[in-house]
């Protein structure tokens, strides 16, 4: 199954949970990130249960500090 993550296509094997992509990118424990799937923000508490589907578009945004 393929999903688009921040404009790049990613291939998922059998597991199609949102957390699978975040683990693949080493972001599952990262603080200060927000995730949206098909323009809908997914709360962090739902990352482990949220199921992805073929051609879903995942946007991952990381907060940065600056001044």
Protein backbone atom coordinates (compact mmCIF):
# COMPACT_ATOMS: atom_id res chain seq x y z
CA UNK A 1 0.00 0.00 0.00
CA UNK A 2 1.29 3.47 -0.84
CA UNK A 3 0.60 6.68 1.06
CA UNK A 4 1.96 10.16 0.46
CA UNK A 5 3.90 11.63 3.38
CA UNK A 6 4.86 15.30 3.05
CA UNK A 7 4.82 15.01 -0.77
CA UNK A 8 6.87 11.77 -0.83
CA UNK A 9 5.36 8.36 -1.49
CA UNK A 10 5.98 5.72 1.18
CA UNK A 11 5.30 2.01 0.87
CA UNK A 12 3.64 0.22 3.78
CA UNK A 13 3.75 -3.52 4.13
CA UNK A 14 0.97 -5.21 6.04
CA UNK A 15 0.58 -2.78 8.92
CA UNK A 16 -1.35 0.26 7.85
CA UNK A 17 -1.62 2.17 11.11
CA UNK A 18 -0.53 5.79 11.23
CA UNK A 19 2.01 4.95 13.94
CA UNK A 20 3.78 2.63 11.45
CA UNK A 21 4.74 5.61 9.27
CA UNK A 22 5.78 7.65 12.30
CA UNK A 23 7.98 4.81 13.56
CA UNK A 24 9.48 4.38 10.09
CA UNK A 25 10.47 8.06 10.20
CA UNK A 26 11.59 7.85 13.88
CA UNK A 27 8.93 10.38 14.91
CA UNK A 28 6.67 8.33 17.20
CA UNK A 29 8.24 9.70 20.41
CA UNK A 30 9.06 13.17 19.07
CA UNK A 31 7.40 16.09 20.82
CA UNK A 32 6.07 19.15 19.04
CA UNK A 33 4.71 17.44 15.95
CA UNK A 34 1.25 17.49 14.45
CA UNK A 35 -0.12 14.98 11.99
CA UNK A 36 -2.95 15.36 9.50
CA UNK A 37 -4.37 12.72 7.19
CA UNK A 38 -6.30 13.98 4.17
CA UNK A 39 -6.39 17.47 5.73
CA UNK A 40 -7.83 16.22 9.06
CA UNK A 41 -5.68 16.64 12.17
CA UNK A 42 -5.25 13.36 14.03
CA UNK A 43 -4.83 13.75 17.82
CA UNK A 44 -1.73 12.07 19.24
CA UNK A 45 -3.87 9.79 21.40
CA UNK A 46 -5.30 8.26 18.17
CA UNK A 47 -2.00 7.62 16.32
CA UNK A 48 -1.85 3.95 17.40
CA UNK A 49 -5.41 3.17 16.29
CA UNK A 50 -5.75 5.36 13.18
CA UNK A 51 -5.75 3.24 10.03
CA UNK A 52 -4.35 4.50 6.74
CA UNK A 53 -5.74 3.63 3.33
CA UNK A 54 -4.27 3.46 -0.16
CA UNK A 55 -3.32 6.93 -1.49
CA UNK A 56 -3.94 8.75 1.82
CA UNK A 57 -2.03 12.01 2.18
CA UNK A 58 -0.21 12.41 5.48
CA UNK A 59 1.22 15.77 6.50
CA UNK A 60 3.66 15.89 9.41
CA UNK A 61 4.51 19.30 10.81
CA UNK A 62 7.19 19.86 13.43
CA UNK A 63 7.21 22.96 15.61
CA UNK A 64 10.50 24.82 15.72
CA UNK A 65 11.82 27.42 18.07
CA UNK A 66 13.13 30.70 16.90
CA UNK A 67 12.88 34.36 17.34
